[in-house]
């Protein structure tokens, strides 16, 4: 099984929490960590923008990423939400097993 850590930003804690609870509740993610007060500087529509955002760190499997991505896109208020996945190269065997059983 392949494991992923996905990163998603949201405009506020309430939206981040709502999406995170849905992902875990629907077994699309094993765990979501919400990190407040992230400062984002990015290019949007030709201009450099700045925004206060909330970062969500999502633990899931490669097999569950596509449905998780689709659910995030359906729930998120941004036109183009950040959602990227990074492969997990290694980890604690009991923790990885817990992820696997949490998303089945």
PDB file of N, CA and C in Angstrom:
ATOM      1  N   UNK A   1       0.847  -1.184   0.000  1.00  0.00           N
ATOM      2  CA  UNK A   1       0.000   0.000   0.000  1.00  0.00           C
ATOM      3  C   UNK A   1       0.884   1.237   0.000  1.00  0.00           C
ATOM      4  N   UNK A   2       0.480   2.274  -0.724  1.00  0.00           N
ATOM      5  CA  UNK A   2       1.207   3.545  -0.775  1.00  0.00           C
ATOM      6  C   UNK A   2       0.493   4.569   0.091  1.00  0.00           C
ATOM      7  N   UNK A   3       1.271   5.308   0.847  1.00  0.00           N
ATOM      8  CA  UNK A   3       0.729   6.315   1.756  1.00  0.00           C
ATOM      9  C   UNK A   3       1.089   7.702   1.270  1.00  0.00           C
ATOM     10  N   UNK A   4       0.212   8.666   1.547  1.00  0.00           N
ATOM     11  CA  UNK A   4       0.414  10.051   1.135  1.00  0.00           C
ATOM     12  C   UNK A   4       0.160  10.997   2.299  1.00  0.00           C
ATOM     13  N   UNK A   5       0.868  12.109   2.268  1.00  0.00           N
ATOM     14  CA  UNK A   5       0.542  13.276   3.085  1.00  0.00           C
ATOM     15  C   UNK A   5       0.120  14.348   2.095  1.00  0.00           C
ATOM     16  N   UNK A   6      -1.091  14.827   2.240  1.00  0.00           N
ATOM     17  CA  UNK A   6      -1.605  15.868   1.344  1.00  0.00           C
ATOM     18  C   UNK A   6      -1.681  17.183   2.102  1.00  0.00           C
ATOM     19  N   UNK A   7      -1.464  18.261   1.382  1.00  0.00           N
ATOM     20  CA  UNK A   7      -1.535  19.606   1.953  1.00  0.00           C
ATOM     21  C   UNK A   7      -2.663  20.368   1.288  1.00  0.00           C
ATOM     22  N   UNK A   8      -3.465  21.018   2.098  1.00  0.00           N
ATOM     23  CA  UNK A   8      -4.584  21.821   1.597  1.00  0.00           C
ATOM     24  C   UNK A   8      -4.641  23.097   2.430  1.00  0.00           C
ATOM     25  N   UNK A   9      -4.882  24.223   1.792  1.00  0.00           N
ATOM     26  CA  UNK A   9      -5.125  25.448   2.542  1.00  0.00           C
ATOM     27  C   UNK A   9      -6.600  25.796   2.450  1.00  0.00           C
ATOM     28  N   UNK A  10      -7.057  26.536   3.447  1.00  0.00           N
ATOM     29  CA  UNK A  10      -8.447  26.992   3.506  1.00  0.00           C
ATOM     30  C   UNK A  10      -8.445  28.438   3.994  1.00  0.00           C
ATOM     31  N   UNK A  11      -9.508  29.184   3.714  1.00  0.00           N
ATOM     32  CA  UNK A  11      -9.534  30.589   4.089  1.00  0.00           C
ATOM     33  C   UNK A  11      -9.695  30.835   5.588  1.00  0.00           C
ATOM     34  N   UNK A  12     -10.221  29.852   6.312  1.00  0.00           N
ATOM     35  CA  UNK A  12     -10.446  30.043   7.753  1.00  0.00           C
ATOM     36  C   UNK A  12     -10.550  28.687   8.439  1.00  0.00           C
ATOM     37  N   UNK A  13     -10.490  28.722   9.762  1.00  0.00           N
ATOM     38  CA  UNK A  13     -10.512  27.498  10.565  1.00  0.00           C
ATOM     39  C   UNK A  13     -11.827  26.733  10.405  1.00  0.00           C
ATOM     40  N   UNK A  14     -12.932  27.457  10.311  1.00  0.00           N
ATOM     41  CA  UNK A  14     -14.231  26.790  10.216  1.00  0.00           C
ATOM     42  C   UNK A  14     -14.323  25.933   8.951  1.00  0.00           C
ATOM     43  N   UNK A  15     -13.907  26.495   7.827  1.00  0.00           N
ATOM     44  CA  UNK A  15     -13.952  25.729   6.578  1.00  0.00           C
ATOM     45  C   UNK A  15     -12.956  24.573   6.621  1.00  0.00           C
ATOM     46  N   UNK A  16     -11.759  24.825   7.125  1.00  0.00           N
ATOM     47  CA  UNK A  16     -10.764  23.761   7.242  1.00  0.00           C
ATOM     48  C   UNK A  16     -11.300  22.627   8.105  1.00  0.00           C
ATOM     49  N   UNK A  17     -11.892  22.967   9.206  1.00  0.00           N
ATOM     50  CA  UNK A  17     -12.433  21.958  10.128  1.00  0.00           C
ATOM     51  C   UNK A  17     -13.585  21.187   9.503  1.00  0.00           C
ATOM     52  N   UNK A  18     -14.461  21.872   8.815  1.00  0.00           N
ATOM     53  CA  UNK A  18     -15.598  21.215   8.168  1.00  0.00           C
ATOM     54  C   UNK A  18     -15.123  20.210   7.120  1.00  0.00           C
ATOM     55  N   UNK A  19     -14.180  20.624   6.287  1.00  0.00           N
ATOM     56  CA  UNK A  19     -13.654  19.721   5.263  1.00  0.00           C
ATOM     57  C   UNK A  19     -12.925  18.553   5.924  1.00  0.00           C
ATOM     58  N   UNK A  20     -12.094  18.830   6.914  1.00  0.00           N
ATOM     59  CA  UNK A  20     -11.345  17.774   7.601  1.00  0.00           C
ATOM     60  C   UNK A  20     -12.287  16.753   8.234  1.00  0.00           C
ATOM     61  N   UNK A  21     -13.321  17.219   8.922  1.00  0.00           N
ATOM     62  CA  UNK A  21     -14.282  16.291   9.548  1.00  0.00           C
ATOM     63  C   UNK A  21     -14.982  15.434   8.497  1.00  0.00           C
ATOM     64  N   UNK A  22     -15.312  16.022   7.364  1.00  0.00           N
ATOM     65  CA  UNK A  22     -15.949  15.262   6.285  1.00  0.00           C
ATOM     66  C   UNK A  22     -15.003  14.203   5.748  1.00  0.00           C
ATOM     67  N   UNK A  23     -13.749  14.562   5.494  1.00  0.00           N
ATOM     68  CA  UNK A  23     -12.791  13.609   4.947  1.00  0.00           C
ATOM     69  C   UNK A  23     -12.569  12.427   5.884  1.00  0.00           C
ATOM     70  N   UNK A  24     -12.422  12.709   7.169  1.00  0.00           N
ATOM     71  CA  UNK A  24     -12.225  11.628   8.139  1.00  0.00           C
ATOM     72  C   UNK A  24     -13.520  10.835   8.306  1.00  0.00           C
ATOM     73  N   UNK A  25     -14.639  11.537   8.393  1.00  0.00           N
ATOM     74  CA  UNK A  25     -15.927  10.871   8.562  1.00  0.00           C
ATOM     75  C   UNK A  25     -16.277   9.943   7.417  1.00  0.00           C
ATOM     76  N   UNK A  26     -15.887  10.319   6.206  1.00  0.00           N
ATOM     77  CA  UNK A  26     -16.174   9.508   5.019  1.00  0.00           C
ATOM     78  C   UNK A  26     -15.037   8.535   4.683  1.00  0.00           C
ATOM     79  N   UNK A  27     -14.076   8.405   5.593  1.00  0.00           N
ATOM     80  CA  UNK A  27     -12.953   7.466   5.463  1.00  0.00           C
ATOM     81  C   UNK A  27     -12.080   7.760   4.238  1.00  0.00           C
ATOM     82  N   UNK A  28     -12.022   9.024   3.862  1.00  0.00           N
ATOM     83  CA  UNK A  28     -11.142   9.447   2.774  1.00  0.00           C
ATOM     84  C   UNK A  28      -9.772   9.854   3.309  1.00  0.00           C
ATOM     85  N   UNK A  29      -9.704  10.106   4.603  1.00  0.00           N
ATOM     86  CA  UNK A  29      -8.463  10.442   5.294  1.00  0.00           C
ATOM     87  C   UNK A  29      -8.491   9.786   6.664  1.00  0.00           C
ATOM     88  N   UNK A  30      -7.313   9.396   7.136  1.00  0.00           N
ATOM     89  CA  UNK A  30      -7.216   8.821   8.475  1.00  0.00           C
ATOM     90  C   UNK A  30      -7.146   9.922   9.526  1.00  0.00           C
ATOM     91  N   UNK A  31      -6.501  11.025   9.161  1.00  0.00           N
ATOM     92  CA  UNK A  31      -6.256  12.101  10.116  1.00  0.00           C
ATOM     93  C   UNK A  31      -6.025  13.393   9.346  1.00  0.00           C
ATOM     94  N   UNK A  32      -6.475  14.494   9.919  1.00  0.00           N
ATOM     95  CA  UNK A  32      -6.198  15.825   9.377  1.00  0.00           C
ATOM     96  C   UNK A  32      -5.720  16.709  10.520  1.00  0.00           C
ATOM     97  N   UNK A  33      -4.568  17.330  10.336  1.00  0.00           N
ATOM     98  CA  UNK A  33      -4.060  18.304  11.302  1.00  0.00           C
ATOM     99  C   UNK A  33      -4.342  19.695  10.767  1.00  0.00           C
ATOM    100  N   UNK A  34      -4.873  20.555  11.619  1.00  0.00           N
ATOM    101  CA  UNK A  34      -5.210  21.920  11.223  1.00  0.00           C
ATOM    102  C   UNK A  34      -4.213  22.866  11.878  1.00  0.00           C
ATOM    103  N   UNK A  35      -3.551  23.647  11.047  1.00  0.00           N
ATOM    104  CA  UNK A  35      -2.535  24.576  11.521  1.00  0.00           C
ATOM    105  C   UNK A  35      -3.000  25.991  11.197  1.00  0.00           C
ATOM    106  N   UNK A  36      -3.276  26.758  12.231  1.00  0.00           N
ATOM    107  CA  UNK A  36      -3.753  28.136  12.070  1.00  0.00           C
ATOM    108  C   UNK A  36      -2.622  29.078  11.688  1.00  0.00           C
ATOM    109  N   UNK A  37      -3.043  30.223  11.157  1.00  0.00           N
ATOM    110  CA  UNK A  37      -2.165  31.365  10.945  1.00  0.00           C
ATOM    111  C   UNK A  37      -1.009  31.097  10.005  1.00  0.00           C
ATOM    112  N   UNK A  38      -1.315  30.568   8.853  1.00  0.00           N
ATOM    113  CA  UNK A  38      -0.322  30.403   7.803  1.00  0.00           C
ATOM    114  C   UNK A  38      -0.401  31.637   6.916  1.00  0.00           C
ATOM    115  N   UNK A  39       0.725  32.240   6.646  1.00  0.00           N
ATOM    116  CA  UNK A  39       0.753  33.384   5.743  1.00  0.00           C
ATOM    117  C   UNK A  39       1.140  32.893   4.365  1.00  0.00           C
ATOM    118  N   UNK A  40       0.297  33.140   3.387  1.00  0.00           N
ATOM    119  CA  UNK A  40       0.553  32.703   2.013  1.00  0.00           C
ATOM    120  C   UNK A  40       0.824  33.908   1.126  1.00  0.00           C
ATOM    121  N   UNK A  41       1.863  33.802   0.330  1.00  0.00           N
ATOM    122  CA  UNK A  41       2.195  34.799  -0.683  1.00  0.00           C
ATOM    123  C   UNK A  41       2.219  34.046  -2.001  1.00  0.00           C
ATOM    124  N   UNK A  42       1.410  34.486  -2.952  1.00  0.00           N
ATOM    125  CA  UNK A  42       1.227  33.701  -4.168  1.00  0.00           C
ATOM    126  C   UNK A  42       0.857  34.610  -5.337  1.00  0.00           C
ATOM    127  N   UNK A  43       0.996  34.082  -6.534  1.00  0.00           N
ATOM    128  CA  UNK A  43       0.600  34.807  -7.728  1.00  0.00           C
ATOM    129  C   UNK A  43      -0.792  34.351  -8.111  1.00  0.00           C
ATOM    130  N   UNK A  44      -1.694  35.301  -8.335  1.00  0.00           N
ATOM    131  CA  UNK A  44      -3.066  34.988  -8.743  1.00  0.00           C
ATOM    132  C   UNK A  44      -3.534  36.035  -9.725  1.00  0.00           C
ATOM    133  N   UNK A  45      -3.949  35.589 -10.886  1.00  0.00           N
ATOM    134  CA  UNK A  45      -4.465  36.460 -11.938  1.00  0.00           C
ATOM    135  C   UNK A  45      -3.522  37.619 -12.241  1.00  0.00           C
ATOM    136  N   UNK A  46      -2.216  37.284 -12.321  1.00  0.00           N
ATOM    137  CA  UNK A  46      -1.209  38.255 -12.724  1.00  0.00           C
ATOM    138  C   UNK A  46      -0.665  39.153 -11.636  1.00  0.00           C
ATOM    139  N   UNK A  47      -1.158  39.013 -10.410  1.00  0.00           N
ATOM    140  CA  UNK A  47      -0.697  39.878  -9.319  1.00  0.00           C
ATOM    141  C   UNK A  47      -0.165  39.031  -8.168  1.00  0.00           C
ATOM    142  N   UNK A  48       0.770  39.586  -7.416  1.00  0.00           N
ATOM    143  CA  UNK A  48       1.252  38.933  -6.209  1.00  0.00           C
ATOM    144  C   UNK A  48       0.291  39.279  -5.079  1.00  0.00           C
ATOM    145  N   UNK A  49      -0.241  38.261  -4.449  1.00  0.00           N
ATOM    146  CA  UNK A  49      -1.240  38.415  -3.392  1.00  0.00           C
ATOM    147  C   UNK A  49      -0.688  37.891  -2.075  1.00  0.00           C
ATOM    148  N   UNK A  50      -1.297  38.326  -0.984  1.00  0.00           N
ATOM    149  CA  UNK A  50      -0.986  37.818   0.350  1.00  0.00           C
ATOM    150  C   UNK A  50      -2.293  37.514   1.054  1.00  0.00           C
ATOM    151  N   UNK A  51      -2.289  36.420   1.827  1.00  0.00           N
ATOM    152  CA  UNK A  51      -3.498  36.056   2.549  1.00  0.00           C
ATOM    153  C   UNK A  51      -3.140  35.263   3.801  1.00  0.00           C
ATOM    154  N   UNK A  52      -3.941  35.443   4.829  1.00  0.00           N
ATOM    155  CA  UNK A  52      -3.864  34.588   6.009  1.00  0.00           C
ATOM    156  C   UNK A  52      -4.727  33.371   5.715  1.00  0.00           C
ATOM    157  N   UNK A  53      -4.162  32.191   5.892  1.00  0.00           N
ATOM    158  CA  UNK A  53      -4.886  30.960   5.603  1.00  0.00           C
ATOM    159  C   UNK A  53      -4.676  29.958   6.733  1.00  0.00           C
ATOM    160  N   UNK A  54      -5.355  28.837   6.596  1.00  0.00           N
ATOM    161  CA  UNK A  54      -5.217  27.716   7.513  1.00  0.00           C
ATOM    162  C   UNK A  54      -4.707  26.543   6.688  1.00  0.00           C
ATOM    163  N   UNK A  55      -3.687  25.857   7.196  1.00  0.00           N
ATOM    164  CA  UNK A  55      -3.122  24.703   6.502  1.00  0.00           C
ATOM    165  C   UNK A  55      -3.691  23.424   7.098  1.00  0.00           C
ATOM    166  N   UNK A  56      -4.099  22.509   6.236  1.00  0.00           N
ATOM    167  CA  UNK A  56      -4.574  21.198   6.672  1.00  0.00           C
ATOM    168  C   UNK A  56      -3.609  20.155   6.123  1.00  0.00           C
ATOM    169  N   UNK A  57      -3.067  19.335   7.021  1.00  0.00           N
ATOM    170  CA  UNK A  57      -2.177  18.240   6.671  1.00  0.00           C
ATOM    171  C   UNK A  57      -3.016  16.965   6.747  1.00  0.00           C
ATOM    172  N   UNK A  58      -3.143  16.276   5.623  1.00  0.00           N
ATOM    173  CA  UNK A  58      -4.061  15.147   5.499  1.00  0.00           C
ATOM    174  C   UNK A  58      -3.257  13.865   5.300  1.00  0.00           C
ATOM    175  N   UNK A  59      -3.549  12.846   6.106  1.00  0.00           N
ATOM    176  CA  UNK A  59      -2.909  11.544   5.942  1.00  0.00           C
ATOM    177  C   UNK A  59      -3.904  10.583   5.304  1.00  0.00           C
ATOM    178  N   UNK A  60      -3.485   9.976   4.191  1.00  0.00           N
ATOM    179  CA  UNK A  60      -4.361   9.065   3.454  1.00  0.00           C
ATOM    180  C   UNK A  60      -3.511   8.074   2.675  1.00  0.00           C
ATOM    181  N   UNK A  61      -4.156   7.322   1.815  1.00  0.00           N
ATOM    182  CA  UNK A  61      -3.442   6.385   0.949  1.00  0.00           C
ATOM    183  C   UNK A  61      -3.566   6.844  -0.503  1.00  0.00           C
ATOM    184  N   UNK A  62      -2.675   6.350  -1.336  1.00  0.00           N
ATOM    185  CA  UNK A  62      -2.737   6.696  -2.761  1.00  0.00           C
ATOM    186  C   UNK A  62      -4.067   6.247  -3.362  1.00  0.00           C
ATOM    187  N   UNK A  63      -4.568   5.134  -2.903  1.00  0.00           N
ATOM    188  CA  UNK A  63      -5.829   4.598  -3.418  1.00  0.00           C
ATOM    189  C   UNK A  63      -7.026   5.485  -3.072  1.00  0.00           C
ATOM    190  N   UNK A  64      -6.953   6.213  -1.984  1.00  0.00           N
ATOM    191  CA  UNK A  64      -8.071   7.066  -1.560  1.00  0.00           C
ATOM    192  C   UNK A  64      -7.903   8.513  -1.998  1.00  0.00           C
ATOM    193  N   UNK A  65      -6.751   8.841  -2.635  1.00  0.00           N
ATOM    194  CA  UNK A  65      -6.511  10.241  -2.982  1.00  0.00           C
ATOM    195  C   UNK A  65      -7.531  10.794  -3.969  1.00  0.00           C
ATOM    196  N   UNK A  66      -7.813  10.093  -5.050  1.00  0.00           N
ATOM    197  CA  UNK A  66      -8.731  10.625  -6.073  1.00  0.00           C
ATOM    198  C   UNK A  66     -10.114  10.938  -5.503  1.00  0.00           C
ATOM    199  N   UNK A  67     -10.755  10.034  -4.762  1.00  0.00           N
ATOM    200  CA  UNK A  67     -12.049  10.407  -4.190  1.00  0.00           C
ATOM    201  C   UNK A  67     -11.934  11.508  -3.136  1.00  0.00           C
ATOM    202  N   UNK A  68     -10.807  11.536  -2.407  1.00  0.00           N
ATOM    203  CA  UNK A  68     -10.599  12.603  -1.422  1.00  0.00           C
ATOM    204  C   UNK A  68     -10.462  13.947  -2.136  1.00  0.00           C
ATOM    205  N   UNK A  69      -9.691  13.961  -3.215  1.00  0.00           N
ATOM    206  CA  UNK A  69      -9.522  15.186  -4.009  1.00  0.00           C
ATOM    207  C   UNK A  69     -10.865  15.682  -4.530  1.00  0.00           C
ATOM    208  N   UNK A  70     -11.666  14.780  -5.063  1.00  0.00           N
ATOM    209  CA  UNK A  70     -12.970  15.166  -5.595  1.00  0.00           C
ATOM    210  C   UNK A  70     -13.869  15.741  -4.508  1.00  0.00           C
ATOM    211  N   UNK A  71     -13.791  15.178  -3.320  1.00  0.00           N
ATOM    212  CA  UNK A  71     -14.615  15.675  -2.203  1.00  0.00           C
ATOM    213  C   UNK A  71     -14.147  17.058  -1.768  1.00  0.00           C
ATOM    214  N   UNK A  72     -12.831  17.257  -1.692  1.00  0.00           N
ATOM    215  CA  UNK A  72     -12.303  18.585  -1.346  1.00  0.00           C
ATOM    216  C   UNK A  72     -12.771  19.611  -2.366  1.00  0.00           C
ATOM    217  N   UNK A  73     -12.667  19.290  -3.651  1.00  0.00           N
ATOM    218  CA  UNK A  73     -13.084  20.234  -4.695  1.00  0.00           C
ATOM    219  C   UNK A  73     -14.572  20.565  -4.592  1.00  0.00           C
ATOM    220  N   UNK A  74     -15.382  19.614  -4.171  1.00  0.00           N
ATOM    221  CA  UNK A  74     -16.822  19.848  -4.024  1.00  0.00           C
ATOM    222  C   UNK A  74     -17.145  20.718  -2.816  1.00  0.00           C
ATOM    223  N   UNK A  75     -16.326  20.642  -1.777  1.00  0.00           N
ATOM    224  CA  UNK A  75     -16.619  21.337  -0.513  1.00  0.00           C
ATOM    225  C   UNK A  75     -15.934  22.689  -0.381  1.00  0.00           C
ATOM    226  N   UNK A  76     -14.842  22.888  -1.072  1.00  0.00           N
ATOM    227  CA  UNK A  76     -13.984  24.057  -0.855  1.00  0.00           C
ATOM    228  C   UNK A  76     -14.572  25.316  -1.477  1.00  0.00           C
ATOM    229  N   UNK A  77     -14.364  26.453  -0.830  1.00  0.00           N
ATOM    230  CA  UNK A  77     -14.904  27.719  -1.333  1.00  0.00           C
ATOM    231  C   UNK A  77     -13.999  28.385  -2.380  1.00  0.00           C
ATOM    232  N   UNK A  78     -12.738  27.997  -2.466  1.00  0.00           N
ATOM    233  CA  UNK A  78     -11.840  28.598  -3.453  1.00  0.00           C
ATOM    234  C   UNK A  78     -12.161  28.075  -4.855  1.00  0.00           C
ATOM    235  N   UNK A  79     -11.936  28.912  -5.855  1.00  0.00           N
ATOM    236  CA  UNK A  79     -12.059  28.479  -7.246  1.00  0.00           C
ATOM    237  C   UNK A  79     -10.996  27.430  -7.584  1.00  0.00           C
ATOM    238  N   UNK A  80      -9.788  27.639  -7.069  1.00  0.00           N
ATOM    239  CA  UNK A  80      -8.667  26.733  -7.325  1.00  0.00           C
ATOM    240  C   UNK A  80      -7.997  26.424  -5.983  1.00  0.00           C
ATOM    241  N   UNK A  81      -8.568  25.484  -5.230  1.00  0.00           N
ATOM    242  CA  UNK A  81      -7.967  25.183  -3.927  1.00  0.00           C
ATOM    243  C   UNK A  81      -6.632  24.462  -4.062  1.00  0.00           C
ATOM    244  N   UNK A  82      -5.740  24.772  -3.133  1.00  0.00           N
ATOM    245  CA  UNK A  82      -4.479  24.028  -3.065  1.00  0.00           C
ATOM    246  C   UNK A  82      -4.788  22.637  -2.538  1.00  0.00           C
ATOM    247  N   UNK A  83      -4.327  21.637  -3.247  1.00  0.00           N
ATOM    248  CA  UNK A  83      -4.369  20.261  -2.765  1.00  0.00           C
ATOM    249  C   UNK A  83      -3.271  19.510  -3.496  1.00  0.00           C
ATOM    250  N   UNK A  84      -2.196  19.243  -2.776  1.00  0.00           N
ATOM    251  CA  UNK A  84      -1.088  18.502  -3.347  1.00  0.00           C
ATOM    252  C   UNK A  84      -0.770  17.325  -2.431  1.00  0.00           C
ATOM    253  N   UNK A  85      -0.273  16.250  -3.013  1.00  0.00           N
ATOM    254  CA  UNK A  85       0.051  15.059  -2.238  1.00  0.00           C
ATOM    255  C   UNK A  85       1.531  14.746  -2.358  1.00  0.00           C
ATOM    256  N   UNK A  86       2.109  14.366  -1.247  1.00  0.00           N
ATOM    257  CA  UNK A  86       3.517  13.983  -1.183  1.00  0.00           C
ATOM    258  C   UNK A  86       3.596  12.524  -0.760  1.00  0.00           C
ATOM    259  N   UNK A  87       4.417  11.727  -1.418  1.00  0.00           N
ATOM    260  CA  UNK A  87       4.523  10.319  -1.021  1.00  0.00           C
ATOM    261  C   UNK A  87       5.245  10.173   0.316  1.00  0.00           C
ATOM    262  N   UNK A  88       4.814   9.204   1.082  1.00  0.00           N
ATOM    263  CA  UNK A  88       5.479   8.873   2.342  1.00  0.00           C
ATOM    264  C   UNK A  88       6.521   7.799   2.018  1.00  0.00           C
ATOM    265  N   UNK A  89       7.800   8.114   2.218  1.00  0.00           N
ATOM    266  CA  UNK A  89       8.875   7.187   1.884  1.00  0.00           C
ATOM    267  C   UNK A  89       8.982   6.057   2.903  1.00  0.00           C
ATOM    268  N   UNK A  90       8.669   6.344   4.153  1.00  0.00           N
ATOM    269  CA  UNK A  90       8.772   5.355   5.211  1.00  0.00           C
ATOM    270  C   UNK A  90       8.033   5.889   6.424  1.00  0.00           C
ATOM    271  N   UNK A  91       7.795   5.033   7.376  1.00  0.00           N
ATOM    272  CA  UNK A  91       7.110   5.459   8.582  1.00  0.00           C
ATOM    273  C   UNK A  91       6.992   4.324   9.570  1.00  0.00           C
ATOM    274  N   UNK A  92       6.479   4.626  10.713  1.00  0.00           N
ATOM    275  CA  UNK A  92       6.244   3.621  11.743  1.00  0.00           C
ATOM    276  C   UNK A  92       5.220   2.616  11.229  1.00  0.00           C
ATOM    277  N   UNK A  93       5.572   1.353  11.240  1.00  0.00           N
ATOM    278  CA  UNK A  93       4.667   0.316  10.723  1.00  0.00           C
ATOM    279  C   UNK A  93       3.294   0.347  11.391  1.00  0.00           C
ATOM    280  N   UNK A  94       3.209   0.478  12.721  1.00  0.00           N
ATOM    281  CA  UNK A  94       1.869   0.534  13.324  1.00  0.00           C
ATOM    282  C   UNK A  94       1.060   1.767  12.885  1.00  0.00           C
ATOM    283  N   UNK A  95       1.742   2.895  12.697  1.00  0.00           N
ATOM    284  CA  UNK A  95       1.037   4.103  12.258  1.00  0.00           C
ATOM    285  C   UNK A  95       0.536   3.948  10.827  1.00  0.00           C
ATOM    286  N   UNK A  96       1.369   3.430   9.953  1.00  0.00           N
ATOM    287  CA  UNK A  96       0.951   3.227   8.560  1.00  0.00           C
ATOM    288  C   UNK A  96      -0.197   2.218   8.488  1.00  0.00           C
ATOM    289  N   UNK A  97      -0.128   1.188   9.304  1.00  0.00           N
ATOM    290  CA  UNK A  97      -1.236   0.211   9.340  1.00  0.00           C
ATOM    291  C   UNK A  97      -2.518   0.876   9.817  1.00  0.00           C
ATOM    292  N   UNK A  98      -2.400   1.779  10.776  1.00  0.00           N
ATOM    293  CA  UNK A  98      -3.572   2.513  11.276  1.00  0.00           C
ATOM    294  C   UNK A  98      -4.167   3.366  10.166  1.00  0.00           C
ATOM    295  N   UNK A  99      -3.337   4.048   9.380  1.00  0.00           N
ATOM    296  CA  UNK A  99      -3.858   4.826   8.243  1.00  0.00           C
ATOM    297  C   UNK A  99      -4.652   3.897   7.321  1.00  0.00           C
ATOM    298  N   UNK A 100      -4.047   2.781   6.974  1.00  0.00           N
ATOM    299  CA  UNK A 100      -4.699   1.857   6.040  1.00  0.00           C
ATOM    300  C   UNK A 100      -6.062   1.399   6.553  1.00  0.00           C
ATOM    301  N   UNK A 101      -6.138   1.028   7.809  1.00  0.00           N
ATOM    302  CA  UNK A 101      -7.417   0.543   8.343  1.00  0.00           C
ATOM    303  C   UNK A 101      -8.427   1.674   8.528  1.00  0.00           C
ATOM    304  N   UNK A 102      -7.936   2.881   8.687  1.00  0.00           N
ATOM    305  CA  UNK A 102      -8.844   4.024   8.901  1.00  0.00           C
ATOM    306  C   UNK A 102      -9.543   4.480   7.635  1.00  0.00           C
ATOM    307  N   UNK A 103      -8.979   4.178   6.473  1.00  0.00           N
ATOM    308  CA  UNK A 103      -9.569   4.640   5.226  1.00  0.00           C
ATOM    309  C   UNK A 103     -10.235   3.508   4.432  1.00  0.00           C
ATOM    310  N   UNK A 104     -10.280   2.321   4.988  1.00  0.00           N
ATOM    311  CA  UNK A 104     -10.941   1.195   4.303  1.00  0.00           C
ATOM    312  C   UNK A 104     -12.426   1.213   4.528  1.00  0.00           C
TER     313      UNK A 104
END
